[in-house]
Amino acid sequence: MKSASIPSLRVDPKLRQAAEAVLREGESLSSFMEQSLRDQVARRQLQQEFVARGLASRDEARQTGEYYEAEAVHAELRGLLTKAMVGKVKR
């Protein structure tokens, strides 16, 4: 697949300087921008999937009438976390 161009981006000179100041050795501003774009796309996709799961869960709860109290869910999660942490310490 051929590569495509992203429109040029006009930014405040201070933002450009800040971006250049955090570049790693051998990293170009272009590669930094490309990685930043990839990271943001992935983050937004994860957010969309999270919202979709939440809406599906809401719809299922409405359909089945089966709801769970937040405190009960939190308690179960705390228990799982504690169990995982104890297992990690024993290793």
PDB file of N, CA and C in Angstrom:
ATOM      1  N   MET A   1       0.843  -1.172   0.000  1.00  0.00           N
ATOM      2  CA  MET A   1       0.000   0.000   0.000  1.00  0.00           C
ATOM      3  C   MET A   1       0.891   1.239   0.000  1.00  0.00           C
ATOM      4  N   LYS A   2       0.525   2.205  -0.809  1.00  0.00           N
ATOM      5  CA  LYS A   2       1.288   3.447  -0.880  1.00  0.00           C
ATOM      6  C   LYS A   2       1.053   4.266   0.375  1.00  0.00           C
ATOM      7  N   SER A   3       2.056   5.035   0.753  1.00  0.00           N
ATOM      8  CA  SER A   3       1.879   5.913   1.903  1.00  0.00           C
ATOM      9  C   SER A   3       1.123   7.162   1.468  1.00  0.00           C
ATOM     10  N   ALA A   4       0.501   7.794   2.428  1.00  0.00           N
ATOM     11  CA  ALA A   4      -0.275   9.004   2.158  1.00  0.00           C
ATOM     12  C   ALA A   4       0.270  10.128   3.013  1.00  0.00           C
ATOM     13  N   SER A   5      -0.001  11.339   2.591  1.00  0.00           N
ATOM     14  CA  SER A   5       0.458  12.507   3.336  1.00  0.00           C
ATOM     15  C   SER A   5      -0.649  13.013   4.244  1.00  0.00           C
ATOM     16  N   ILE A   6      -0.242  13.576   5.355  1.00  0.00           N
ATOM     17  CA  ILE A   6      -1.149  14.262   6.267  1.00  0.00           C
ATOM     18  C   ILE A   6      -0.976  15.757   5.978  1.00  0.00           C
ATOM     19  N   PRO A   7      -2.043  16.523   6.012  1.00  0.00           N
ATOM     20  CA  PRO A   7      -1.896  17.957   5.775  1.00  0.00           C
ATOM     21  C   PRO A   7      -0.890  18.574   6.749  1.00  0.00           C
ATOM     22  N   SER A   8      -0.160  19.559   6.271  1.00  0.00           N
ATOM     23  CA  SER A   8       0.812  20.225   7.142  1.00  0.00           C
ATOM     24  C   SER A   8       0.074  20.853   8.324  1.00  0.00           C
ATOM     25  N   LEU A   9       0.774  20.961   9.411  1.00  0.00           N
ATOM     26  CA  LEU A   9       0.162  21.393  10.656  1.00  0.00           C
ATOM     27  C   LEU A   9       0.818  22.689  11.113  1.00  0.00           C
ATOM     28  N   ARG A  10       0.020  23.721  11.250  1.00  0.00           N
ATOM     29  CA  ARG A  10       0.545  24.993  11.746  1.00  0.00           C
ATOM     30  C   ARG A  10       0.354  25.008  13.256  1.00  0.00           C
ATOM     31  N   VAL A  11       1.445  25.284  13.968  1.00  0.00           N
ATOM     32  CA  VAL A  11       1.390  25.327  15.426  1.00  0.00           C
ATOM     33  C   VAL A  11       2.127  26.559  15.933  1.00  0.00           C
ATOM     34  N   ASP A  12       1.846  26.883  17.152  1.00  0.00           N
ATOM     35  CA  ASP A  12       2.547  27.965  17.826  1.00  0.00           C
ATOM     36  C   ASP A  12       4.030  27.598  17.919  1.00  0.00           C
ATOM     37  N   PRO A  13       4.922  28.548  17.693  1.00  0.00           N
ATOM     38  CA  PRO A  13       6.357  28.241  17.775  1.00  0.00           C
ATOM     39  C   PRO A  13       6.768  27.618  19.112  1.00  0.00           C
ATOM     40  N   LYS A  14       6.118  27.995  20.191  1.00  0.00           N
ATOM     41  CA  LYS A  14       6.453  27.422  21.492  1.00  0.00           C
ATOM     42  C   LYS A  14       6.113  25.929  21.545  1.00  0.00           C
ATOM     43  N   LEU A  15       5.007  25.540  20.907  1.00  0.00           N
ATOM     44  CA  LEU A  15       4.650  24.123  20.862  1.00  0.00           C
ATOM     45  C   LEU A  15       5.676  23.349  20.049  1.00  0.00           C
ATOM     46  N   ARG A  16       6.102  23.899  18.933  1.00  0.00           N
ATOM     47  CA  ARG A  16       7.134  23.224  18.126  1.00  0.00           C
ATOM     48  C   ARG A  16       8.418  23.067  18.929  1.00  0.00           C
ATOM     49  N   GLN A  17       8.826  24.119  19.621  1.00  0.00           N
ATOM     50  CA  GLN A  17      10.035  24.037  20.441  1.00  0.00           C
ATOM     51  C   GLN A  17       9.893  22.983  21.534  1.00  0.00           C
ATOM     52  N   ALA A  18       8.721  22.933  22.159  1.00  0.00           N
ATOM     53  CA  ALA A  18       8.484  21.941  23.204  1.00  0.00           C
ATOM     54  C   ALA A  18       8.554  20.531  22.628  1.00  0.00           C
ATOM     55  N   ALA A  19       8.000  20.325  21.444  1.00  0.00           N
ATOM     56  CA  ALA A  19       8.036  19.010  20.803  1.00  0.00           C
ATOM     57  C   ALA A  19       9.476  18.639  20.453  1.00  0.00           C
ATOM     58  N   GLU A  20      10.209  19.572  19.902  1.00  0.00           N
ATOM     59  CA  GLU A  20      11.600  19.297  19.540  1.00  0.00           C
ATOM     60  C   GLU A  20      12.445  19.008  20.785  1.00  0.00           C
ATOM     61  N   ALA A  21      12.087  19.628  21.897  1.00  0.00           N
ATOM     62  CA  ALA A  21      12.855  19.449  23.135  1.00  0.00           C
ATOM     63  C   ALA A  21      12.711  18.047  23.720  1.00  0.00           C
ATOM     64  N   VAL A  22      11.655  17.345  23.372  1.00  0.00           N
ATOM     65  CA  VAL A  22      11.439  16.006  23.934  1.00  0.00           C
ATOM     66  C   VAL A  22      11.770  14.883  22.956  1.00  0.00           C
ATOM     67  N   LEU A  23      12.288  15.221  21.788  1.00  0.00           N
ATOM     68  CA  LEU A  23      12.659  14.185  20.828  1.00  0.00           C
ATOM     69  C   LEU A  23      13.775  13.330  21.401  1.00  0.00           C
ATOM     70  N   ARG A  24      13.681  12.032  21.146  1.00  0.00           N
ATOM     71  CA  ARG A  24      14.726  11.111  21.575  1.00  0.00           C
ATOM     72  C   ARG A  24      15.835  11.079  20.528  1.00  0.00           C
ATOM     73  N   GLU A  25      16.957  10.532  20.916  1.00  0.00           N
ATOM     74  CA  GLU A  25      18.092  10.466  20.009  1.00  0.00           C
ATOM     75  C   GLU A  25      17.701   9.728  18.729  1.00  0.00           C
ATOM     76  N   GLY A  26      17.981  10.351  17.595  1.00  0.00           N
ATOM     77  CA  GLY A  26      17.682   9.752  16.299  1.00  0.00           C
ATOM     78  C   GLY A  26      16.233   9.906  15.856  1.00  0.00           C
ATOM     79  N   GLU A  27      15.413  10.519  16.686  1.00  0.00           N
ATOM     80  CA  GLU A  27      13.993  10.677  16.359  1.00  0.00           C
ATOM     81  C   GLU A  27      13.783  12.012  15.651  1.00  0.00           C
ATOM     82  N   SER A  28      13.024  11.981  14.578  1.00  0.00           N
ATOM     83  CA  SER A  28      12.705  13.220  13.866  1.00  0.00           C
ATOM     84  C   SER A  28      11.352  13.752  14.338  1.00  0.00           C
ATOM     85  N   LEU A  29      11.133  15.008  14.063  1.00  0.00           N
ATOM     86  CA  LEU A  29       9.840  15.591  14.407  1.00  0.00           C
ATOM     87  C   LEU A  29       8.727  14.885  13.639  1.00  0.00           C
ATOM     88  N   SER A  30       8.993  14.501  12.403  1.00  0.00           N
ATOM     89  CA  SER A  30       7.994  13.781  11.607  1.00  0.00           C
ATOM     90  C   SER A  30       7.652  12.430  12.217  1.00  0.00           C
ATOM     91  N   SER A  31       8.665  11.683  12.651  1.00  0.00           N
ATOM     92  CA  SER A  31       8.380  10.372  13.243  1.00  0.00           C
ATOM     93  C   SER A  31       7.671  10.533  14.578  1.00  0.00           C
ATOM     94  N   PHE A  32       8.024  11.574  15.327  1.00  0.00           N
ATOM     95  CA  PHE A  32       7.327  11.858  16.589  1.00  0.00           C
ATOM     96  C   PHE A  32       5.855  12.160  16.325  1.00  0.00           C
ATOM     97  N   MET A  33       5.584  12.967  15.317  1.00  0.00           N
ATOM     98  CA  MET A  33       4.203  13.323  14.985  1.00  0.00           C
ATOM     99  C   MET A  33       3.430  12.095  14.498  1.00  0.00           C
ATOM    100  N   GLU A  34       4.080  11.255  13.687  1.00  0.00           N
ATOM    101  CA  GLU A  34       3.402  10.053  13.205  1.00  0.00           C
ATOM    102  C   GLU A  34       3.052   9.123  14.372  1.00  0.00           C
ATOM    103  N   GLN A  35       3.995   8.926  15.293  1.00  0.00           N
ATOM    104  CA  GLN A  35       3.726   8.057  16.436  1.00  0.00           C
ATOM    105  C   GLN A  35       2.637   8.646  17.326  1.00  0.00           C
ATOM    106  N   SER A  36       2.666   9.954  17.498  1.00  0.00           N
ATOM    107  CA  SER A  36       1.628  10.622  18.289  1.00  0.00           C
ATOM    108  C   SER A  36       0.253  10.417  17.664  1.00  0.00           C
ATOM    109  N   LEU A  37       0.187  10.517  16.355  1.00  0.00           N
ATOM    110  CA  LEU A  37      -1.072  10.309  15.649  1.00  0.00           C
ATOM    111  C   LEU A  37      -1.539   8.859  15.803  1.00  0.00           C
ATOM    112  N   ARG A  38      -0.618   7.910  15.658  1.00  0.00           N
ATOM    113  CA  ARG A  38      -0.967   6.495  15.832  1.00  0.00           C
ATOM    114  C   ARG A  38      -1.499   6.238  17.252  1.00  0.00           C
ATOM    115  N   ASP A  39      -0.810   6.808  18.244  1.00  0.00           N
ATOM    116  CA  ASP A  39      -1.228   6.622  19.640  1.00  0.00           C
ATOM    117  C   ASP A  39      -2.617   7.197  19.886  1.00  0.00           C
ATOM    118  N   GLN A  40      -2.886   8.369  19.342  1.00  0.00           N
ATOM    119  CA  GLN A  40      -4.181   9.018  19.554  1.00  0.00           C
ATOM    120  C   GLN A  40      -5.296   8.243  18.839  1.00  0.00           C
ATOM    121  N   VAL A  41      -5.016   7.743  17.647  1.00  0.00           N
ATOM    122  CA  VAL A  41      -6.011   6.935  16.929  1.00  0.00           C
ATOM    123  C   VAL A  41      -6.336   5.689  17.747  1.00  0.00           C
ATOM    124  N   ALA A  42      -5.306   5.014  18.254  1.00  0.00           N
ATOM    125  CA  ALA A  42      -5.526   3.814  19.064  1.00  0.00           C
ATOM    126  C   ALA A  42      -6.319   4.147  20.322  1.00  0.00           C
ATOM    127  N   ARG A  43      -6.001   5.249  20.975  1.00  0.00           N
ATOM    128  CA  ARG A  43      -6.717   5.657  22.184  1.00  0.00           C
ATOM    129  C   ARG A  43      -8.187   5.915  21.889  1.00  0.00           C
ATOM    130  N   ARG A  44      -8.452   6.596  20.802  1.00  0.00           N
ATOM    131  CA  ARG A  44      -9.852   6.875  20.450  1.00  0.00           C
ATOM    132  C   ARG A  44     -10.610   5.605  20.087  1.00  0.00           C
ATOM    133  N   GLN A  45      -9.934   4.672  19.417  1.00  0.00           N
ATOM    134  CA  GLN A  45     -10.592   3.400  19.094  1.00  0.00           C
ATOM    135  C   GLN A  45     -10.944   2.652  20.379  1.00  0.00           C
ATOM    136  N   LEU A  46     -10.028   2.640  21.330  1.00  0.00           N
ATOM    137  CA  LEU A  46     -10.299   1.992  22.614  1.00  0.00           C
ATOM    138  C   LEU A  46     -11.466   2.672  23.333  1.00  0.00           C
ATOM    139  N   GLN A  47     -11.511   3.988  23.279  1.00  0.00           N
ATOM    140  CA  GLN A  47     -12.619   4.719  23.905  1.00  0.00           C
ATOM    141  C   GLN A  47     -13.947   4.352  23.253  1.00  0.00           C
ATOM    142  N   GLN A  48     -13.960   4.300  21.929  1.00  0.00           N
ATOM    143  CA  GLN A  48     -15.190   3.939  21.220  1.00  0.00           C
ATOM    144  C   GLN A  48     -15.647   2.531  21.595  1.00  0.00           C
ATOM    145  N   GLU A  49     -14.691   1.603  21.670  1.00  0.00           N
ATOM    146  CA  GLU A  49     -15.028   0.226  22.046  1.00  0.00           C
ATOM    147  C   GLU A  49     -15.553   0.167  23.479  1.00  0.00           C
ATOM    148  N   PHE A  50     -14.950   0.940  24.368  1.00  0.00           N
ATOM    149  CA  PHE A  50     -15.383   0.988  25.765  1.00  0.00           C
ATOM    150  C   PHE A  50     -16.821   1.489  25.868  1.00  0.00           C
ATOM    151  N   VAL A  51     -17.105   2.566  25.154  1.00  0.00           N
ATOM    152  CA  VAL A  51     -18.462   3.125  25.173  1.00  0.00           C
ATOM    153  C   VAL A  51     -19.447   2.121  24.578  1.00  0.00           C
ATOM    154  N   ALA A  52     -19.057   1.467  23.495  1.00  0.00           N
ATOM    155  CA  ALA A  52     -19.950   0.474  22.870  1.00  0.00           C
ATOM    156  C   ALA A  52     -20.249  -0.670  23.839  1.00  0.00           C
ATOM    157  N   ARG A  53     -19.221  -1.145  24.570  1.00  0.00           N
ATOM    158  CA  ARG A  53     -19.464  -2.208  25.558  1.00  0.00           C
ATOM    159  C   ARG A  53     -20.381  -1.715  26.669  1.00  0.00           C
ATOM    160  N   GLY A  54     -20.175  -0.484  27.103  1.00  0.00           N
ATOM    161  CA  GLY A  54     -21.026   0.074  28.154  1.00  0.00           C
ATOM    162  C   GLY A  54     -22.476   0.178  27.707  1.00  0.00           C
ATOM    163  N   LEU A  55     -22.694   0.652  26.492  1.00  0.00           N
ATOM    164  CA  LEU A  55     -24.058   0.771  25.980  1.00  0.00           C
ATOM    165  C   LEU A  55     -24.699  -0.603  25.803  1.00  0.00           C
ATOM    166  N   ALA A  56     -23.916  -1.572  25.331  1.00  0.00           N
ATOM    167  CA  ALA A  56     -24.444  -2.934  25.171  1.00  0.00           C
ATOM    168  C   ALA A  56     -24.809  -3.511  26.537  1.00  0.00           C
ATOM    169  N   SER A  57     -23.983  -3.248  27.533  1.00  0.00           N
ATOM    170  CA  SER A  57     -24.261  -3.729  28.886  1.00  0.00           C
ATOM    171  C   SER A  57     -25.526  -3.080  29.438  1.00  0.00           C
ATOM    172  N   ARG A  58     -25.661  -1.789  29.204  1.00  0.00           N
ATOM    173  CA  ARG A  58     -26.871  -1.086  29.632  1.00  0.00           C
ATOM    174  C   ARG A  58     -28.110  -1.690  28.985  1.00  0.00           C
ATOM    175  N   ASP A  59     -28.020  -1.922  27.677  1.00  0.00           N
ATOM    176  CA  ASP A  59     -29.166  -2.481  26.960  1.00  0.00           C
ATOM    177  C   ASP A  59     -29.516  -3.875  27.456  1.00  0.00           C
ATOM    178  N   GLU A  60     -28.481  -4.681  27.738  1.00  0.00           N
ATOM    179  CA  GLU A  60     -28.724  -6.028  28.253  1.00  0.00           C
ATOM    180  C   GLU A  60     -29.379  -5.966  29.629  1.00  0.00           C
ATOM    181  N   ALA A  61     -28.912  -5.048  30.466  1.00  0.00           N
ATOM    182  CA  ALA A  61     -29.501  -4.913  31.799  1.00  0.00           C
ATOM    183  C   ALA A  61     -30.967  -4.494  31.696  1.00  0.00           C
ATOM    184  N   ARG A  62     -31.253  -3.580  30.794  1.00  0.00           N
ATOM    185  CA  ARG A  62     -32.644  -3.152  30.606  1.00  0.00           C
ATOM    186  C   ARG A  62     -33.512  -4.302  30.117  1.00  0.00           C
ATOM    187  N   GLN A  63     -32.940  -5.100  29.220  1.00  0.00           N
ATOM    188  CA  GLN A  63     -33.698  -6.216  28.638  1.00  0.00           C
ATOM    189  C   GLN A  63     -33.936  -7.317  29.665  1.00  0.00           C
ATOM    190  N   THR A  64     -32.921  -7.641  30.447  1.00  0.00           N
ATOM    191  CA  THR A  64     -33.040  -8.746  31.397  1.00  0.00           C
ATOM    192  C   THR A  64     -33.548  -8.302  32.760  1.00  0.00           C
ATOM    193  N   GLY A  65     -33.432  -7.001  33.046  1.00  0.00           N
ATOM    194  CA  GLY A  65     -33.801  -6.499  34.369  1.00  0.00           C
ATOM    195  C   GLY A  65     -32.781  -6.853  35.434  1.00  0.00           C
ATOM    196  N   GLU A  66     -31.634  -7.366  35.020  1.00  0.00           N
ATOM    197  CA  GLU A  66     -30.593  -7.779  35.962  1.00  0.00           C
ATOM    198  C   GLU A  66     -29.568  -6.653  36.119  1.00  0.00           C
ATOM    199  N   TYR A  67     -29.548  -6.070  37.308  1.00  0.00           N
ATOM    200  CA  TYR A  67     -28.636  -4.976  37.617  1.00  0.00           C
ATOM    201  C   TYR A  67     -27.773  -5.369  38.807  1.00  0.00           C
ATOM    202  N   TYR A  68     -26.624  -4.737  38.944  1.00  0.00           N
ATOM    203  CA  TYR A  68     -25.721  -5.003  40.057  1.00  0.00           C
ATOM    204  C   TYR A  68     -25.404  -3.691  40.759  1.00  0.00           C
ATOM    205  N   GLU A  69     -25.365  -3.724  42.071  1.00  0.00           N
ATOM    206  CA  GLU A  69     -25.015  -2.541  42.857  1.00  0.00           C
ATOM    207  C   GLU A  69     -23.533  -2.242  42.657  1.00  0.00           C
ATOM    208  N   ALA A  70     -23.208  -0.975  42.526  1.00  0.00           N
ATOM    209  CA  ALA A  70     -21.820  -0.575  42.308  1.00  0.00           C
ATOM    210  C   ALA A  70     -20.917  -1.078  43.430  1.00  0.00           C
ATOM    211  N   GLU A  71     -21.376  -0.973  44.673  1.00  0.00           N
ATOM    212  CA  GLU A  71     -20.544  -1.404  45.793  1.00  0.00           C
ATOM    213  C   GLU A  71     -20.246  -2.898  45.732  1.00  0.00           C
ATOM    214  N   ALA A  72     -21.192  -3.701  45.281  1.00  0.00           N
ATOM    215  CA  ALA A  72     -20.958  -5.137  45.150  1.00  0.00           C
ATOM    216  C   ALA A  72     -19.915  -5.421  44.072  1.00  0.00           C
ATOM    217  N   VAL A  73     -19.995  -4.700  42.980  1.00  0.00           N
ATOM    218  CA  VAL A  73     -19.022  -4.868  41.901  1.00  0.00           C
ATOM    219  C   VAL A  73     -17.640  -4.434  42.388  1.00  0.00           C
ATOM    220  N   HIS A  74     -17.584  -3.288  43.071  1.00  0.00           N
ATOM    221  CA  HIS A  74     -16.298  -2.806  43.587  1.00  0.00           C
ATOM    222  C   HIS A  74     -15.695  -3.795  44.573  1.00  0.00           C
ATOM    223  N   ALA A  75     -16.519  -4.361  45.431  1.00  0.00           N
ATOM    224  CA  ALA A  75     -16.030  -5.335  46.406  1.00  0.00           C
ATOM    225  C   ALA A  75     -15.457  -6.556  45.694  1.00  0.00           C
ATOM    226  N   GLU A  76     -16.153  -7.021  44.661  1.00  0.00           N
ATOM    227  CA  GLU A  76     -15.652  -8.178  43.919  1.00  0.00           C
ATOM    228  C   GLU A  76     -14.332  -7.858  43.237  1.00  0.00           C
ATOM    229  N   LEU A  77     -14.241  -6.675  42.653  1.00  0.00           N
ATOM    230  CA  LEU A  77     -12.995  -6.272  41.993  1.00  0.00           C
ATOM    231  C   LEU A  77     -11.855  -6.132  43.003  1.00  0.00           C
ATOM    232  N   ARG A  78     -12.155  -5.568  44.189  1.00  0.00           N
ATOM    233  CA  ARG A  78     -11.128  -5.464  45.232  1.00  0.00           C
ATOM    234  C   ARG A  78     -10.638  -6.850  45.627  1.00  0.00           C
ATOM    235  N   GLY A  79     -11.555  -7.792  45.738  1.00  0.00           N
ATOM    236  CA  GLY A  79     -11.174  -9.155  46.073  1.00  0.00           C
ATOM    237  C   GLY A  79     -10.278  -9.775  45.027  1.00  0.00           C
ATOM    238  N   LEU A  80     -10.620  -9.580  43.768  1.00  0.00           N
ATOM    239  CA  LEU A  80      -9.790 -10.107  42.679  1.00  0.00           C
ATOM    240  C   LEU A  80      -8.408  -9.471  42.683  1.00  0.00           C
ATOM    241  N   LEU A  81      -8.362  -8.158  42.920  1.00  0.00           N
ATOM    242  CA  LEU A  81      -7.087  -7.453  42.963  1.00  0.00           C
ATOM    243  C   LEU A  81      -6.236  -7.945  44.126  1.00  0.00           C
ATOM    244  N   THR A  82      -6.849  -8.095  45.292  1.00  0.00           N
ATOM    245  CA  THR A  82      -6.130  -8.587  46.464  1.00  0.00           C
ATOM    246  C   THR A  82      -5.588  -9.981  46.204  1.00  0.00           C
ATOM    247  N   LYS A  83      -6.397 -10.830  45.625  1.00  0.00           N
ATOM    248  CA  LYS A  83      -5.975 -12.205  45.307  1.00  0.00           C
ATOM    249  C   LYS A  83      -4.797 -12.185  44.325  1.00  0.00           C
ATOM    250  N   ALA A  84      -4.875 -11.332  43.329  1.00  0.00           N
ATOM    251  CA  ALA A  84      -3.796 -11.226  42.339  1.00  0.00           C
ATOM    252  C   ALA A  84      -2.507 -10.708  42.979  1.00  0.00           C
ATOM    253  N   MET A  85      -2.642  -9.723  43.855  1.00  0.00           N
ATOM    254  CA  MET A  85      -1.475  -9.157  44.521  1.00  0.00           C
ATOM    255  C   MET A  85      -0.827 -10.159  45.465  1.00  0.00           C
ATOM    256  N   VAL A  86      -1.625 -10.926  46.181  1.00  0.00           N
ATOM    257  CA  VAL A  86      -1.101 -11.946  47.082  1.00  0.00           C
ATOM    258  C   VAL A  86      -0.356 -13.004  46.265  1.00  0.00           C
ATOM    259  N   GLY A  87      -0.927 -13.404  45.154  1.00  0.00           N
ATOM    260  CA  GLY A  87      -0.262 -14.375  44.291  1.00  0.00           C
ATOM    261  C   GLY A  87       1.053 -13.854  43.735  1.00  0.00           C
ATOM    262  N   LYS A  88       1.094 -12.559  43.467  1.00  0.00           N
ATOM    263  CA  LYS A  88       2.299 -11.938  42.925  1.00  0.00           C
ATOM    264  C   LYS A  88       3.403 -11.894  43.988  1.00  0.00           C
ATOM    265  N   VAL A  89       3.030 -11.640  45.230  1.00  0.00           N
ATOM    266  CA  VAL A  89       3.986 -11.538  46.322  1.00  0.00           C
ATOM    267  C   VAL A  89       4.601 -12.904  46.619  1.00  0.00           C
ATOM    268  N   LYS A  90       3.829 -13.963  46.504  1.00  0.00           N
ATOM    269  CA  LYS A  90       4.300 -15.316  46.830  1.00  0.00           C
ATOM    270  C   LYS A  90       5.335 -15.832  45.832  1.00  0.00           C
ATOM    271  N   ARG A  91       5.359 -15.295  44.640  1.00  0.00           N
ATOM    272  CA  ARG A  91       6.280 -15.800  43.608  1.00  0.00           C
ATOM    273  C   ARG A  91       7.683 -15.514  43.917  1.00  0.00           C
TER     274      ARG A  91
END
